[in-house]
Amino acid sequence: MSYGVAEADLTPWLNWSAYSLRKDWNQAKEAAAPWWGENSKEEYSSGLANLATALANWSSSKTGKRKGPKVRFPRFKGKRAGLSCRFTTGAFGLADGDRRHVKLPRIGLIRTLESTRKLARHV
C-alpha cells in the first residue's frame, strides 16, 4: 500500500513518449471522448507530440539535465490561448489558382492572412 491506497486503486504508470501516449489515446478514445471522430486526427497527434515534448522538458529540468531556469509541469491551456495544430498527413496543400487559401484534410479550404506565394515557390 502506498499512502494508504490499495495497489489496485493506484493510477497505472504511463510512458511519456509520443508513441506511447498516442497508443494509450487510441485505446481510451472511444470511452473518454466519443466525439473524437468529428475532428481531424492531426489535432490529437500534434497535441500528444507537444505533450510528450513538454513532459520530457519538465523531467529533464527537474533532474538537472536541462540547462536554464526550471521548467514547470505542463498545464492545460484554455480556448483563449493561441490554438495551433500541425498537419503532417492527408490531402493538404495550396488551393488551385488562389494565393489566399490552403486546403486541409477534413477541414477544407482555409483563407490565410498572408499570400501563399512564398509557400508555393517551396512546394
PDB file of N, CA and C in Angstrom:
ATOM      1  N   MET A   1       0.839  -1.193   0.000  1.00  0.00           N
ATOM      2  CA  MET A   1       0.000   0.000   0.000  1.00  0.00           C
ATOM      3  C   MET A   1       0.877   1.248   0.000  1.00  0.00           C
ATOM      4  N   SER A   2       0.461   2.206  -0.773  1.00  0.00           N
ATOM      5  CA  SER A   2       1.184   3.458  -0.875  1.00  0.00           C
ATOM      6  C   SER A   2       0.268   4.587  -0.414  1.00  0.00           C
ATOM      7  N   TYR A   3       0.662   5.289   0.626  1.00  0.00           N
ATOM      8  CA  TYR A   3      -0.132   6.381   1.187  1.00  0.00           C
ATOM      9  C   TYR A   3      -1.545   5.932   1.577  1.00  0.00           C
ATOM     10  N   GLY A   4      -1.681   4.696   1.978  1.00  0.00           N
ATOM     11  CA  GLY A   4      -2.982   4.184   2.400  1.00  0.00           C
ATOM     12  C   GLY A   4      -3.909   3.827   1.250  1.00  0.00           C
ATOM     13  N   VAL A   5      -3.405   3.795   0.022  1.00  0.00           N
ATOM     14  CA  VAL A   5      -4.212   3.463  -1.154  1.00  0.00           C
ATOM     15  C   VAL A   5      -3.811   2.069  -1.619  1.00  0.00           C
ATOM     16  N   ALA A   6      -4.809   1.235  -1.852  1.00  0.00           N
ATOM     17  CA  ALA A   6      -4.538  -0.134  -2.289  1.00  0.00           C
ATOM     18  C   ALA A   6      -3.871  -0.132  -3.662  1.00  0.00           C
ATOM     19  N   GLU A   7      -3.067  -1.142  -3.941  1.00  0.00           N
ATOM     20  CA  GLU A   7      -2.338  -1.238  -5.214  1.00  0.00           C
ATOM     21  C   GLU A   7      -3.283  -1.187  -6.416  1.00  0.00           C
ATOM     22  N   ALA A   8      -4.445  -1.811  -6.301  1.00  0.00           N
ATOM     23  CA  ALA A   8      -5.399  -1.851  -7.415  1.00  0.00           C
ATOM     24  C   ALA A   8      -6.023  -0.486  -7.696  1.00  0.00           C
ATOM     25  N   ASP A   9      -6.027   0.408  -6.699  1.00  0.00           N
ATOM     26  CA  ASP A   9      -6.650   1.726  -6.860  1.00  0.00           C
ATOM     27  C   ASP A   9      -5.671   2.799  -7.330  1.00  0.00           C
ATOM     28  N   LEU A  10      -4.391   2.474  -7.420  1.00  0.00           N
ATOM     29  CA  LEU A  10      -3.402   3.450  -7.869  1.00  0.00           C
ATOM     30  C   LEU A  10      -3.515   3.676  -9.373  1.00  0.00           C
ATOM     31  N   THR A  11      -3.172   4.869  -9.812  1.00  0.00           N
ATOM     32  CA  THR A  11      -3.162   5.180 -11.238  1.00  0.00           C
ATOM     33  C   THR A  11      -2.018   4.411 -11.892  1.00  0.00           C
ATOM     34  N   PRO A  12      -2.294   3.734 -13.007  1.00  0.00           N
ATOM     35  CA  PRO A  12      -1.222   2.971 -13.643  1.00  0.00           C
ATOM     36  C   PRO A  12      -0.140   3.889 -14.220  1.00  0.00           C
ATOM     37  N   TRP A  13       1.080   3.366 -14.276  1.00  0.00           N
ATOM     38  CA  TRP A  13       2.210   4.104 -14.811  1.00  0.00           C
ATOM     39  C   TRP A  13       2.074   4.242 -16.328  1.00  0.00           C
ATOM     40  N   LEU A  14       2.440   5.392 -16.884  1.00  0.00           N
ATOM     41  CA  LEU A  14       2.394   5.629 -18.324  1.00  0.00           C
ATOM     42  C   LEU A  14       3.769   6.045 -18.819  1.00  0.00           C
ATOM     43  N   ASN A  15       4.108   5.568 -19.994  1.00  0.00           N
ATOM     44  CA  ASN A  15       5.318   6.023 -20.666  1.00  0.00           C
ATOM     45  C   ASN A  15       5.002   7.367 -21.312  1.00  0.00           C
ATOM     46  N   TRP A  16       5.930   8.322 -21.253  1.00  0.00           N
ATOM     47  CA  TRP A  16       5.679   9.667 -21.751  1.00  0.00           C
ATOM     48  C   TRP A  16       6.170   9.905 -23.171  1.00  0.00           C
ATOM     49  N   SER A  17       6.524   8.877 -23.912  1.00  0.00           N
ATOM     50  CA  SER A  17       6.945   9.098 -25.292  1.00  0.00           C
ATOM     51  C   SER A  17       5.714   9.395 -26.146  1.00  0.00           C
ATOM     52  N   ALA A  18       5.916  10.093 -27.254  1.00  0.00           N
ATOM     53  CA  ALA A  18       4.796  10.437 -28.133  1.00  0.00           C
ATOM     54  C   ALA A  18       4.118   9.174 -28.659  1.00  0.00           C
ATOM     55  N   TYR A  19       4.905   8.163 -28.977  1.00  0.00           N
ATOM     56  CA  TYR A  19       4.349   6.914 -29.492  1.00  0.00           C
ATOM     57  C   TYR A  19       3.453   6.250 -28.438  1.00  0.00           C
ATOM     58  N   SER A  20       3.932   6.174 -27.201  1.00  0.00           N
ATOM     59  CA  SER A  20       3.159   5.532 -26.141  1.00  0.00           C
ATOM     60  C   SER A  20       1.912   6.326 -25.786  1.00  0.00           C
ATOM     61  N   LEU A  21       2.032   7.655 -25.762  1.00  0.00           N
ATOM     62  CA  LEU A  21       0.856   8.479 -25.483  1.00  0.00           C
ATOM     63  C   LEU A  21      -0.204   8.295 -26.566  1.00  0.00           C
ATOM     64  N   ARG A  22       0.228   8.232 -27.840  1.00  0.00           N
ATOM     65  CA  ARG A  22      -0.735   8.026 -28.933  1.00  0.00           C
ATOM     66  C   ARG A  22      -1.376   6.646 -28.839  1.00  0.00           C
ATOM     67  N   LYS A  23      -0.590   5.639 -28.478  1.00  0.00           N
ATOM     68  CA  LYS A  23      -1.125   4.280 -28.331  1.00  0.00           C
ATOM     69  C   LYS A  23      -2.161   4.232 -27.204  1.00  0.00           C
ATOM     70  N   ASP A  24      -1.861   4.856 -26.073  1.00  0.00           N
ATOM     71  CA  ASP A  24      -2.809   4.903 -24.962  1.00  0.00           C
ATOM     72  C   ASP A  24      -4.061   5.687 -25.334  1.00  0.00           C
ATOM     73  N   TRP A  25      -3.905   6.769 -26.084  1.00  0.00           N
ATOM     74  CA  TRP A  25      -5.064   7.557 -26.535  1.00  0.00           C
ATOM     75  C   TRP A  25      -5.954   6.713 -27.438  1.00  0.00           C
ATOM     76  N   ASN A  26      -5.367   5.993 -28.365  1.00  0.00           N
ATOM     77  CA  ASN A  26      -6.162   5.170 -29.277  1.00  0.00           C
ATOM     78  C   ASN A  26      -6.947   4.094 -28.540  1.00  0.00           C
ATOM     79  N   GLN A  27      -6.427   3.606 -27.425  1.00  0.00           N
ATOM     80  CA  GLN A  27      -7.151   2.603 -26.649  1.00  0.00           C
ATOM     81  C   GLN A  27      -8.276   3.219 -25.827  1.00  0.00           C
ATOM     82  N   ALA A  28      -8.121   4.472 -25.407  1.00  0.00           N
ATOM     83  CA  ALA A  28      -9.085   5.087 -24.496  1.00  0.00           C
ATOM     84  C   ALA A  28     -10.049   6.060 -25.168  1.00  0.00           C
ATOM     85  N   LYS A  29      -9.846   6.395 -26.441  1.00  0.00           N
ATOM     86  CA  LYS A  29     -10.608   7.485 -27.046  1.00  0.00           C
ATOM     87  C   LYS A  29     -12.103   7.221 -27.167  1.00  0.00           C
ATOM     88  N   GLU A  30     -12.519   5.994 -27.384  1.00  0.00           N
ATOM     89  CA  GLU A  30     -13.954   5.699 -27.519  1.00  0.00           C
ATOM     90  C   GLU A  30     -14.694   5.985 -26.222  1.00  0.00           C
ATOM     91  N   ALA A  31     -14.118   5.608 -25.096  1.00  0.00           N
ATOM     92  CA  ALA A  31     -14.775   5.803 -23.806  1.00  0.00           C
ATOM     93  C   ALA A  31     -14.595   7.235 -23.294  1.00  0.00           C
ATOM     94  N   ALA A  32     -13.404   7.809 -23.488  1.00  0.00           N
ATOM     95  CA  ALA A  32     -13.106   9.123 -22.933  1.00  0.00           C
ATOM     96  C   ALA A  32     -13.688  10.267 -23.757  1.00  0.00           C
ATOM     97  N   ALA A  33     -13.726  10.115 -25.067  1.00  0.00           N
ATOM     98  CA  ALA A  33     -14.174  11.202 -25.947  1.00  0.00           C
ATOM     99  C   ALA A  33     -14.918  10.626 -27.144  1.00  0.00           C
ATOM    100  N   PRO A  34     -16.199  10.302 -26.998  1.00  0.00           N
ATOM    101  CA  PRO A  34     -16.934   9.702 -28.111  1.00  0.00           C
ATOM    102  C   PRO A  34     -17.056  10.621 -29.330  1.00  0.00           C
ATOM    103  N   TRP A  35     -16.788  11.900 -29.180  1.00  0.00           N
ATOM    104  CA  TRP A  35     -16.877  12.869 -30.262  1.00  0.00           C
ATOM    105  C   TRP A  35     -15.570  13.003 -31.025  1.00  0.00           C
ATOM    106  N   TRP A  36     -14.556  12.210 -30.724  1.00  0.00           N
ATOM    107  CA  TRP A  36     -13.231  12.383 -31.307  1.00  0.00           C
ATOM    108  C   TRP A  36     -13.237  12.299 -32.828  1.00  0.00           C
ATOM    109  N   GLY A  37     -14.133  11.513 -33.413  1.00  0.00           N
ATOM    110  CA  GLY A  37     -14.163  11.341 -34.862  1.00  0.00           C
ATOM    111  C   GLY A  37     -14.624  12.570 -35.624  1.00  0.00           C
ATOM    112  N   GLU A  38     -15.191  13.559 -34.942  1.00  0.00           N
ATOM    113  CA  GLU A  38     -15.655  14.781 -35.604  1.00  0.00           C
ATOM    114  C   GLU A  38     -14.498  15.711 -35.950  1.00  0.00           C
ATOM    115  N   ASN A  39     -13.333  15.441 -35.391  1.00  0.00           N
ATOM    116  CA  ASN A  39     -12.160  16.295 -35.605  1.00  0.00           C
ATOM    117  C   ASN A  39     -11.109  15.557 -36.420  1.00  0.00           C
ATOM    118  N   SER A  40     -10.143  16.305 -36.900  1.00  0.00           N
ATOM    119  CA  SER A  40      -9.024  15.713 -37.627  1.00  0.00           C
ATOM    120  C   SER A  40      -8.111  14.973 -36.655  1.00  0.00           C
ATOM    121  N   LYS A  41      -7.590  13.829 -37.079  1.00  0.00           N
ATOM    122  CA  LYS A  41      -6.673  13.065 -36.223  1.00  0.00           C
ATOM    123  C   LYS A  41      -5.372  13.821 -35.987  1.00  0.00           C
ATOM    124  N   GLU A  42      -5.067  14.758 -36.848  1.00  0.00           N
ATOM    125  CA  GLU A  42      -3.844  15.545 -36.713  1.00  0.00           C
ATOM    126  C   GLU A  42      -3.888  16.425 -35.468  1.00  0.00           C
ATOM    127  N   GLU A  43      -5.071  16.845 -35.053  1.00  0.00           N
ATOM    128  CA  GLU A  43      -5.185  17.658 -33.847  1.00  0.00           C
ATOM    129  C   GLU A  43      -4.713  16.865 -32.639  1.00  0.00           C
ATOM    130  N   TYR A  44      -5.158  15.629 -32.536  1.00  0.00           N
ATOM    131  CA  TYR A  44      -4.764  14.795 -31.412  1.00  0.00           C
ATOM    132  C   TYR A  44      -3.288  14.416 -31.508  1.00  0.00           C
ATOM    133  N   SER A  45      -2.836  14.117 -32.709  1.00  0.00           N
ATOM    134  CA  SER A  45      -1.455  13.705 -32.909  1.00  0.00           C
ATOM    135  C   SER A  45      -0.481  14.823 -32.526  1.00  0.00           C
ATOM    136  N   SER A  46      -0.751  16.043 -32.997  1.00  0.00           N
ATOM    137  CA  SER A  46       0.157  17.143 -32.679  1.00  0.00           C
ATOM    138  C   SER A  46       0.060  17.521 -31.202  1.00  0.00           C
ATOM    139  N   GLY A  47      -1.122  17.413 -30.610  1.00  0.00           N
ATOM    140  CA  GLY A  47      -1.273  17.689 -29.188  1.00  0.00           C
ATOM    141  C   GLY A  47      -0.500  16.705 -28.329  1.00  0.00           C
ATOM    142  N   LEU A  48      -0.556  15.428 -28.702  1.00  0.00           N
ATOM    143  CA  LEU A  48       0.185  14.416 -27.948  1.00  0.00           C
ATOM    144  C   LEU A  48       1.689  14.570 -28.134  1.00  0.00           C
ATOM    145  N   ALA A  49       2.125  14.959 -29.329  1.00  0.00           N
ATOM    146  CA  ALA A  49       3.554  15.198 -29.565  1.00  0.00           C
ATOM    147  C   ALA A  49       4.031  16.389 -28.724  1.00  0.00           C
ATOM    148  N   ASN A  50       3.218  17.447 -28.659  1.00  0.00           N
ATOM    149  CA  ASN A  50       3.570  18.608 -27.834  1.00  0.00           C
ATOM    150  C   ASN A  50       3.612  18.227 -26.350  1.00  0.00           C
ATOM    151  N   LEU A  51       2.650  17.396 -25.916  1.00  0.00           N
ATOM    152  CA  LEU A  51       2.637  16.949 -24.526  1.00  0.00           C
ATOM    153  C   LEU A  51       3.885  16.134 -24.204  1.00  0.00           C
ATOM    154  N   ALA A  52       4.268  15.234 -25.103  1.00  0.00           N
ATOM    155  CA  ALA A  52       5.463  14.422 -24.877  1.00  0.00           C
ATOM    156  C   ALA A  52       6.707  15.309 -24.753  1.00  0.00           C
ATOM    157  N   THR A  53       6.813  16.324 -25.589  1.00  0.00           N
ATOM    158  CA  THR A  53       7.944  17.254 -25.519  1.00  0.00           C
ATOM    159  C   THR A  53       7.927  18.034 -24.218  1.00  0.00           C
ATOM    160  N   ALA A  54       6.750  18.516 -23.810  1.00  0.00           N
ATOM    161  CA  ALA A  54       6.638  19.290 -22.573  1.00  0.00           C
ATOM    162  C   ALA A  54       6.987  18.429 -21.356  1.00  0.00           C
ATOM    163  N   LEU A  55       6.529  17.187 -21.336  1.00  0.00           N
ATOM    164  CA  LEU A  55       6.842  16.296 -20.216  1.00  0.00           C
ATOM    165  C   LEU A  55       8.330  15.955 -20.170  1.00  0.00           C
ATOM    166  N   ALA A  56       8.941  15.754 -21.334  1.00  0.00           N
ATOM    167  CA  ALA A  56      10.376  15.479 -21.381  1.00  0.00           C
ATOM    168  C   ALA A  56      11.176  16.689 -20.908  1.00  0.00           C
ATOM    169  N   ASN A  57      10.751  17.896 -21.315  1.00  0.00           N
ATOM    170  CA  ASN A  57      11.432  19.113 -20.864  1.00  0.00           C
ATOM    171  C   ASN A  57      11.310  19.279 -19.354  1.00  0.00           C
ATOM    172  N   TRP A  58      10.125  19.036 -18.801  1.00  0.00           N
ATOM    173  CA  TRP A  58       9.918  19.154 -17.364  1.00  0.00           C
ATOM    174  C   TRP A  58      10.761  18.131 -16.610  1.00  0.00           C
ATOM    175  N   SER A  59      10.759  16.896 -17.092  1.00  0.00           N
ATOM    176  CA  SER A  59      11.505  15.829 -16.421  1.00  0.00           C
ATOM    177  C   SER A  59      13.006  16.110 -16.431  1.00  0.00           C
ATOM    178  N   SER A  60      13.528  16.518 -17.580  1.00  0.00           N
ATOM    179  CA  SER A  60      14.960  16.795 -17.657  1.00  0.00           C
ATOM    180  C   SER A  60      15.332  18.046 -16.857  1.00  0.00           C
ATOM    181  N   SER A  61      14.424  18.997 -16.756  1.00  0.00           N
ATOM    182  CA  SER A  61      14.669  20.183 -15.951  1.00  0.00           C
ATOM    183  C   SER A  61      14.691  19.834 -14.466  1.00  0.00           C
ATOM    184  N   LYS A  62      13.788  18.961 -14.064  1.00  0.00           N
ATOM    185  CA  LYS A  62      13.686  18.581 -12.654  1.00  0.00           C
ATOM    186  C   LYS A  62      14.911  17.787 -12.196  1.00  0.00           C
ATOM    187  N   THR A  63      15.450  16.959 -13.090  1.00  0.00           N
ATOM    188  CA  THR A  63      16.611  16.143 -12.730  1.00  0.00           C
ATOM    189  C   THR A  63      17.934  16.866 -12.960  1.00  0.00           C
ATOM    190  N   GLY A  64      17.903  18.081 -13.514  1.00  0.00           N
ATOM    191  CA  GLY A  64      19.119  18.852 -13.720  1.00  0.00           C
ATOM    192  C   GLY A  64      19.808  18.584 -15.039  1.00  0.00           C
ATOM    193  N   LYS A  65      19.202  17.835 -15.935  1.00  0.00           N
ATOM    194  CA  LYS A  65      19.813  17.537 -17.231  1.00  0.00           C
ATOM    195  C   LYS A  65      19.592  18.662 -18.243  1.00  0.00           C
ATOM    196  N   ARG A  66      18.678  19.576 -17.949  1.00  0.00           N
ATOM    197  CA  ARG A  66      18.339  20.658 -18.865  1.00  0.00           C
ATOM    198  C   ARG A  66      18.937  21.958 -18.336  1.00  0.00           C
ATOM    199  N   LYS A  67      19.598  22.701 -19.208  1.00  0.00           N
ATOM    200  CA  LYS A  67      20.186  23.974 -18.820  1.00  0.00           C
ATOM    201  C   LYS A  67      19.099  25.040 -18.717  1.00  0.00           C
ATOM    202  N   GLY A  68      19.410  26.096 -18.022  1.00  0.00           N
ATOM    203  CA  GLY A  68      18.495  27.215 -17.911  1.00  0.00           C
ATOM    204  C   GLY A  68      17.596  27.108 -16.691  1.00  0.00           C
ATOM    205  N   PRO A  69      16.604  28.013 -16.630  1.00  0.00           N
ATOM    206  CA  PRO A  69      15.708  28.009 -15.468  1.00  0.00           C
ATOM    207  C   PRO A  69      14.827  26.759 -15.446  1.00  0.00           C
ATOM    208  N   LYS A  70      14.324  26.449 -14.258  1.00  0.00           N
ATOM    209  CA  LYS A  70      13.463  25.279 -14.094  1.00  0.00           C
ATOM    210  C   LYS A  70      12.192  25.449 -14.919  1.00  0.00           C
ATOM    211  N   VAL A  71      11.744  24.344 -15.510  1.00  0.00           N
ATOM    212  CA  VAL A  71      10.528  24.331 -16.323  1.00  0.00           C
ATOM    213  C   VAL A  71       9.399  23.792 -15.455  1.00  0.00           C
ATOM    214  N   ARG A  72       8.251  24.438 -15.512  1.00  0.00           N
ATOM    215  CA  ARG A  72       7.094  23.991 -14.740  1.00  0.00           C
ATOM    216  C   ARG A  72       6.446  22.780 -15.392  1.00  0.00           C
ATOM    217  N   PHE A  73       5.667  22.049 -14.600  1.00  0.00           N
ATOM    218  CA  PHE A  73       4.904  20.919 -15.127  1.00  0.00           C
ATOM    219  C   PHE A  73       3.887  21.453 -16.130  1.00  0.00           C
ATOM    220  N   PRO A  74       3.677  20.754 -17.258  1.00  0.00           N
ATOM    221  CA  PRO A  74       2.735  21.244 -18.276  1.00  0.00           C
ATOM    222  C   PRO A  74       1.335  21.437 -17.698  1.00  0.00           C
ATOM    223  N   ARG A  75       0.722  22.540 -18.090  1.00  0.00           N
ATOM    224  CA  ARG A  75      -0.634  22.838 -17.626  1.00  0.00           C
ATOM    225  C   ARG A  75      -1.569  22.939 -18.813  1.00  0.00           C
ATOM    226  N   PHE A  76      -2.853  22.750 -18.540  1.00  0.00           N
ATOM    227  CA  PHE A  76      -3.874  22.862 -19.578  1.00  0.00           C
ATOM    228  C   PHE A  76      -3.971  24.307 -20.044  1.00  0.00           C
ATOM    229  N   LYS A  77      -4.076  24.489 -21.342  1.00  0.00           N
ATOM    230  CA  LYS A  77      -4.263  25.821 -21.898  1.00  0.00           C
ATOM    231  C   LYS A  77      -5.703  25.939 -22.360  1.00  0.00           C
ATOM    232  N   GLY A  78      -6.356  26.983 -21.986  1.00  0.00           N
ATOM    233  CA  GLY A  78      -7.764  27.186 -22.317  1.00  0.00           C
ATOM    234  C   GLY A  78      -7.982  27.547 -23.772  1.00  0.00           C
ATOM    235  N   LYS A  79      -9.222  27.735 -24.130  1.00  0.00           N
ATOM    236  CA  LYS A  79      -9.589  28.049 -25.507  1.00  0.00           C
ATOM    237  C   LYS A  79      -9.046  29.403 -25.963  1.00  0.00           C
ATOM    238  N   ARG A  80      -8.796  30.292 -25.025  1.00  0.00           N
ATOM    239  CA  ARG A  80      -8.344  31.632 -25.406  1.00  0.00           C
ATOM    240  C   ARG A  80      -6.854  31.697 -25.674  1.00  0.00           C
ATOM    241  N   ALA A  81      -6.146  30.637 -25.366  1.00  0.00           N
ATOM    242  CA  ALA A  81      -4.713  30.590 -25.680  1.00  0.00           C
ATOM    243  C   ALA A  81      -4.556  30.442 -27.195  1.00  0.00           C
ATOM    244  N   GLY A  82      -3.381  30.704 -27.700  1.00  0.00           N
ATOM    245  CA  GLY A  82      -3.148  30.573 -29.135  1.00  0.00           C
ATOM    246  C   GLY A  82      -3.286  29.121 -29.572  1.00  0.00           C
ATOM    247  N   LEU A  83      -4.328  28.825 -30.317  1.00  0.00           N
ATOM    248  CA  LEU A  83      -4.566  27.463 -30.757  1.00  0.00           C
ATOM    249  C   LEU A  83      -3.745  27.173 -32.007  1.00  0.00           C
ATOM    250  N   SER A  84      -3.145  25.997 -32.053  1.00  0.00           N
ATOM    251  CA  SER A  84      -2.360  25.626 -33.217  1.00  0.00           C
ATOM    252  C   SER A  84      -2.422  24.126 -33.410  1.00  0.00           C
ATOM    253  N   CYS A  85      -2.092  23.719 -34.623  1.00  0.00           N
ATOM    254  CA  CYS A  85      -2.123  22.297 -34.964  1.00  0.00           C
ATOM    255  C   CYS A  85      -1.214  22.096 -36.168  1.00  0.00           C
ATOM    256  N   ARG A  86      -0.514  20.945 -36.200  1.00  0.00           N
ATOM    257  CA  ARG A  86       0.333  20.614 -37.350  1.00  0.00           C
ATOM    258  C   ARG A  86      -0.371  19.557 -38.180  1.00  0.00           C
ATOM    259  N   PHE A  87      -0.346  19.715 -39.482  1.00  0.00           N
ATOM    260  CA  PHE A  87      -0.905  18.720 -40.395  1.00  0.00           C
ATOM    261  C   PHE A  87       0.254  18.048 -41.115  1.00  0.00           C
ATOM    262  N   THR A  88       0.413  16.746 -40.903  1.00  0.00           N
ATOM    263  CA  THR A  88       1.541  16.024 -41.479  1.00  0.00           C
ATOM    264  C   THR A  88       1.122  14.974 -42.491  1.00  0.00           C
ATOM    265  N   THR A  89      -0.131  14.567 -42.482  1.00  0.00           N
ATOM    266  CA  THR A  89      -0.610  13.568 -43.437  1.00  0.00           C
ATOM    267  C   THR A  89      -1.932  14.030 -44.032  1.00  0.00           C
ATOM    268  N   GLY A  90      -2.339  13.385 -45.096  1.00  0.00           N
ATOM    269  CA  GLY A  90      -3.611  13.721 -45.723  1.00  0.00           C
ATOM    270  C   GLY A  90      -3.411  14.609 -46.934  1.00  0.00           C
ATOM    271  N   ALA A  91      -4.524  14.976 -47.539  1.00  0.00           N
ATOM    272  CA  ALA A  91      -4.505  15.787 -48.755  1.00  0.00           C
ATOM    273  C   ALA A  91      -4.512  17.267 -48.387  1.00  0.00           C
ATOM    274  N   PHE A  92      -3.332  17.823 -48.141  1.00  0.00           N
ATOM    275  CA  PHE A  92      -3.248  19.245 -47.842  1.00  0.00           C
ATOM    276  C   PHE A  92      -2.354  19.908 -48.864  1.00  0.00           C
ATOM    277  N   GLY A  93      -2.533  21.187 -49.027  1.00  0.00           N
ATOM    278  CA  GLY A  93      -1.715  21.929 -49.976  1.00  0.00           C
ATOM    279  C   GLY A  93      -2.349  23.249 -50.320  1.00  0.00           C
ATOM    280  N   LEU A  94      -1.877  23.832 -51.377  1.00  0.00           N
ATOM    281  CA  LEU A  94      -2.384  25.119 -51.827  1.00  0.00           C
ATOM    282  C   LEU A  94      -3.627  24.937 -52.674  1.00  0.00           C
ATOM    283  N   ALA A  95      -4.522  25.908 -52.594  1.00  0.00           N
ATOM    284  CA  ALA A  95      -5.714  25.884 -53.435  1.00  0.00           C
ATOM    285  C   ALA A  95      -5.306  26.197 -54.874  1.00  0.00           C
ATOM    286  N   ASP A  96      -5.977  25.593 -55.831  1.00  0.00           N
ATOM    287  CA  ASP A  96      -5.648  25.777 -57.244  1.00  0.00           C
ATOM    288  C   ASP A  96      -5.961  27.202 -57.696  1.00  0.00           C
ATOM    289  N   GLY A  97      -4.935  27.887 -58.201  1.00  0.00           N
ATOM    290  CA  GLY A  97      -5.121  29.219 -58.775  1.00  0.00           C
ATOM    291  C   GLY A  97      -5.464  30.292 -57.768  1.00  0.00           C
ATOM    292  N   ASP A  98      -5.225  30.069 -56.512  1.00  0.00           N
ATOM    293  CA  ASP A  98      -5.579  31.046 -55.491  1.00  0.00           C
ATOM    294  C   ASP A  98      -4.400  31.228 -54.550  1.00  0.00           C
ATOM    295  N   ARG A  99      -4.011  32.465 -54.293  1.00  0.00           N
ATOM    296  CA  ARG A  99      -2.873  32.734 -53.427  1.00  0.00           C
ATOM    297  C   ARG A  99      -3.282  33.010 -51.978  1.00  0.00           C
ATOM    298  N   ARG A 100      -4.560  32.887 -51.650  1.00  0.00           N
ATOM    299  CA  ARG A 100      -5.037  33.231 -50.314  1.00  0.00           C
ATOM    300  C   ARG A 100      -5.644  32.065 -49.544  1.00  0.00           C
ATOM    301  N   HIS A 101      -5.677  30.875 -50.122  1.00  0.00           N
ATOM    302  CA  HIS A 101      -6.321  29.740 -49.451  1.00  0.00           C
ATOM    303  C   HIS A 101      -5.415  28.511 -49.464  1.00  0.00           C
ATOM    304  N   VAL A 102      -5.513  27.712 -48.390  1.00  0.00           N
ATOM    305  CA  VAL A 102      -4.852  26.421 -48.316  1.00  0.00           C
ATOM    306  C   VAL A 102      -5.913  25.354 -48.083  1.00  0.00           C
ATOM    307  N   LYS A 103      -5.622  24.139 -48.525  1.00  0.00           N
ATOM    308  CA  LYS A 103      -6.564  23.023 -48.402  1.00  0.00           C
ATOM    309  C   LYS A 103      -6.055  22.090 -47.306  1.00  0.00           C
ATOM    310  N   LEU A 104      -6.888  21.822 -46.300  1.00  0.00           N
ATOM    311  CA  LEU A 104      -6.520  20.960 -45.186  1.00  0.00           C
ATOM    312  C   LEU A 104      -7.439  19.749 -45.134  1.00  0.00           C
ATOM    313  N   PRO A 105      -6.917  18.597 -44.683  1.00  0.00           N
ATOM    314  CA  PRO A 105      -7.758  17.404 -44.605  1.00  0.00           C
ATOM    315  C   PRO A 105      -8.876  17.583 -43.577  1.00  0.00           C
ATOM    316  N   ARG A 106     -10.062  17.078 -43.890  1.00  0.00           N
ATOM    317  CA  ARG A 106     -11.260  17.097 -43.043  1.00  0.00           C
ATOM    318  C   ARG A 106     -11.811  18.493 -42.794  1.00  0.00           C
ATOM    319  N   ILE A 107     -11.035  19.528 -43.054  1.00  0.00           N
ATOM    320  CA  ILE A 107     -11.495  20.890 -42.787  1.00  0.00           C
ATOM    321  C   ILE A 107     -11.908  21.574 -44.075  1.00  0.00           C
ATOM    322  N   GLY A 108     -11.108  21.421 -45.133  1.00  0.00           N
ATOM    323  CA  GLY A 108     -11.408  22.048 -46.409  1.00  0.00           C
ATOM    324  C   GLY A 108     -10.543  23.267 -46.644  1.00  0.00           C
ATOM    325  N   LEU A 109     -11.084  24.233 -47.383  1.00  0.00           N
ATOM    326  CA  LEU A 109     -10.339  25.444 -47.712  1.00  0.00           C
ATOM    327  C   LEU A 109     -10.332  26.411 -46.533  1.00  0.00           C
ATOM    328  N   ILE A 110      -9.161  26.953 -46.253  1.00  0.00           N
ATOM    329  CA  ILE A 110      -8.986  27.933 -45.180  1.00  0.00           C
ATOM    330  C   ILE A 110      -8.325  29.159 -45.782  1.00  0.00           C
ATOM    331  N   ARG A 111      -8.888  30.334 -45.509  1.00  0.00           N
ATOM    332  CA  ARG A 111      -8.293  31.569 -46.003  1.00  0.00           C
ATOM    333  C   ARG A 111      -7.127  31.941 -45.108  1.00  0.00           C
ATOM    334  N   THR A 112      -6.018  32.328 -45.722  1.00  0.00           N
ATOM    335  CA  THR A 112      -4.834  32.730 -44.973  1.00  0.00           C
ATOM    336  C   THR A 112      -4.782  34.243 -44.838  1.00  0.00           C
ATOM    337  N   LEU A 113      -4.058  34.713 -43.843  1.00  0.00           N
ATOM    338  CA  LEU A 113      -3.910  36.153 -43.656  1.00  0.00           C
ATOM    339  C   LEU A 113      -2.873  36.735 -44.604  1.00  0.00           C
ATOM    340  N   GLU A 114      -1.925  35.917 -45.018  1.00  0.00           N
ATOM    341  CA  GLU A 114      -0.872  36.374 -45.907  1.00  0.00           C
ATOM    342  C   GLU A 114      -0.938  35.614 -47.224  1.00  0.00           C
ATOM    343  N   SER A 115      -0.313  36.154 -48.234  1.00  0.00           N
ATOM    344  CA  SER A 115      -0.239  35.484 -49.513  1.00  0.00           C
ATOM    345  C   SER A 115       0.600  34.208 -49.379  1.00  0.00           C
ATOM    346  N   THR A 116       0.248  33.185 -50.128  1.00  0.00           N
ATOM    347  CA  THR A 116       0.981  31.916 -50.067  1.00  0.00           C
ATOM    348  C   THR A 116       1.983  31.797 -51.214  1.00  0.00           C
ATOM    349  N   ARG A 117       2.400  32.923 -51.814  1.00  0.00           N
ATOM    350  CA  ARG A 117       3.323  32.903 -52.942  1.00  0.00           C
ATOM    351  C   ARG A 117       4.662  32.281 -52.555  1.00  0.00           C
ATOM    352  N   LYS A 118       5.208  32.671 -51.397  1.00  0.00           N
ATOM    353  CA  LYS A 118       6.489  32.098 -50.957  1.00  0.00           C
ATOM    354  C   LYS A 118       6.353  30.598 -50.698  1.00  0.00           C
ATOM    355  N   LEU A 119       5.234  30.195 -50.124  1.00  0.00           N
ATOM    356  CA  LEU A 119       4.987  28.781 -49.875  1.00  0.00           C
ATOM    357  C   LEU A 119       4.886  28.011 -51.203  1.00  0.00           C
ATOM    358  N   ALA A 120       4.251  28.626 -52.196  1.00  0.00           N
ATOM    359  CA  ALA A 120       4.097  27.977 -53.492  1.00  0.00           C
ATOM    360  C   ALA A 120       5.454  27.752 -54.161  1.00  0.00           C
ATOM    361  N   ARG A 121       6.377  28.672 -53.967  1.00  0.00           N
ATOM    362  CA  ARG A 121       7.705  28.504 -54.536  1.00  0.00           C
ATOM    363  C   ARG A 121       8.450  27.329 -53.915  1.00  0.00           C
ATOM    364  N   HIS A 122       8.214  27.061 -52.635  1.00  0.00           N
ATOM    365  CA  HIS A 122       8.885  25.941 -51.959  1.00  0.00           C
ATOM    366  C   HIS A 122       8.232  24.600 -52.271  1.00  0.00           C
ATOM    367  N   VAL A 123       6.992  24.624 -52.670  1.00  0.00           N
ATOM    368  CA  VAL A 123       6.272  23.391 -52.985  1.00  0.00           C
ATOM    369  C   VAL A 123       6.442  23.101 -54.417  1.00  0.00           C
TER     370      VAL A 123
END
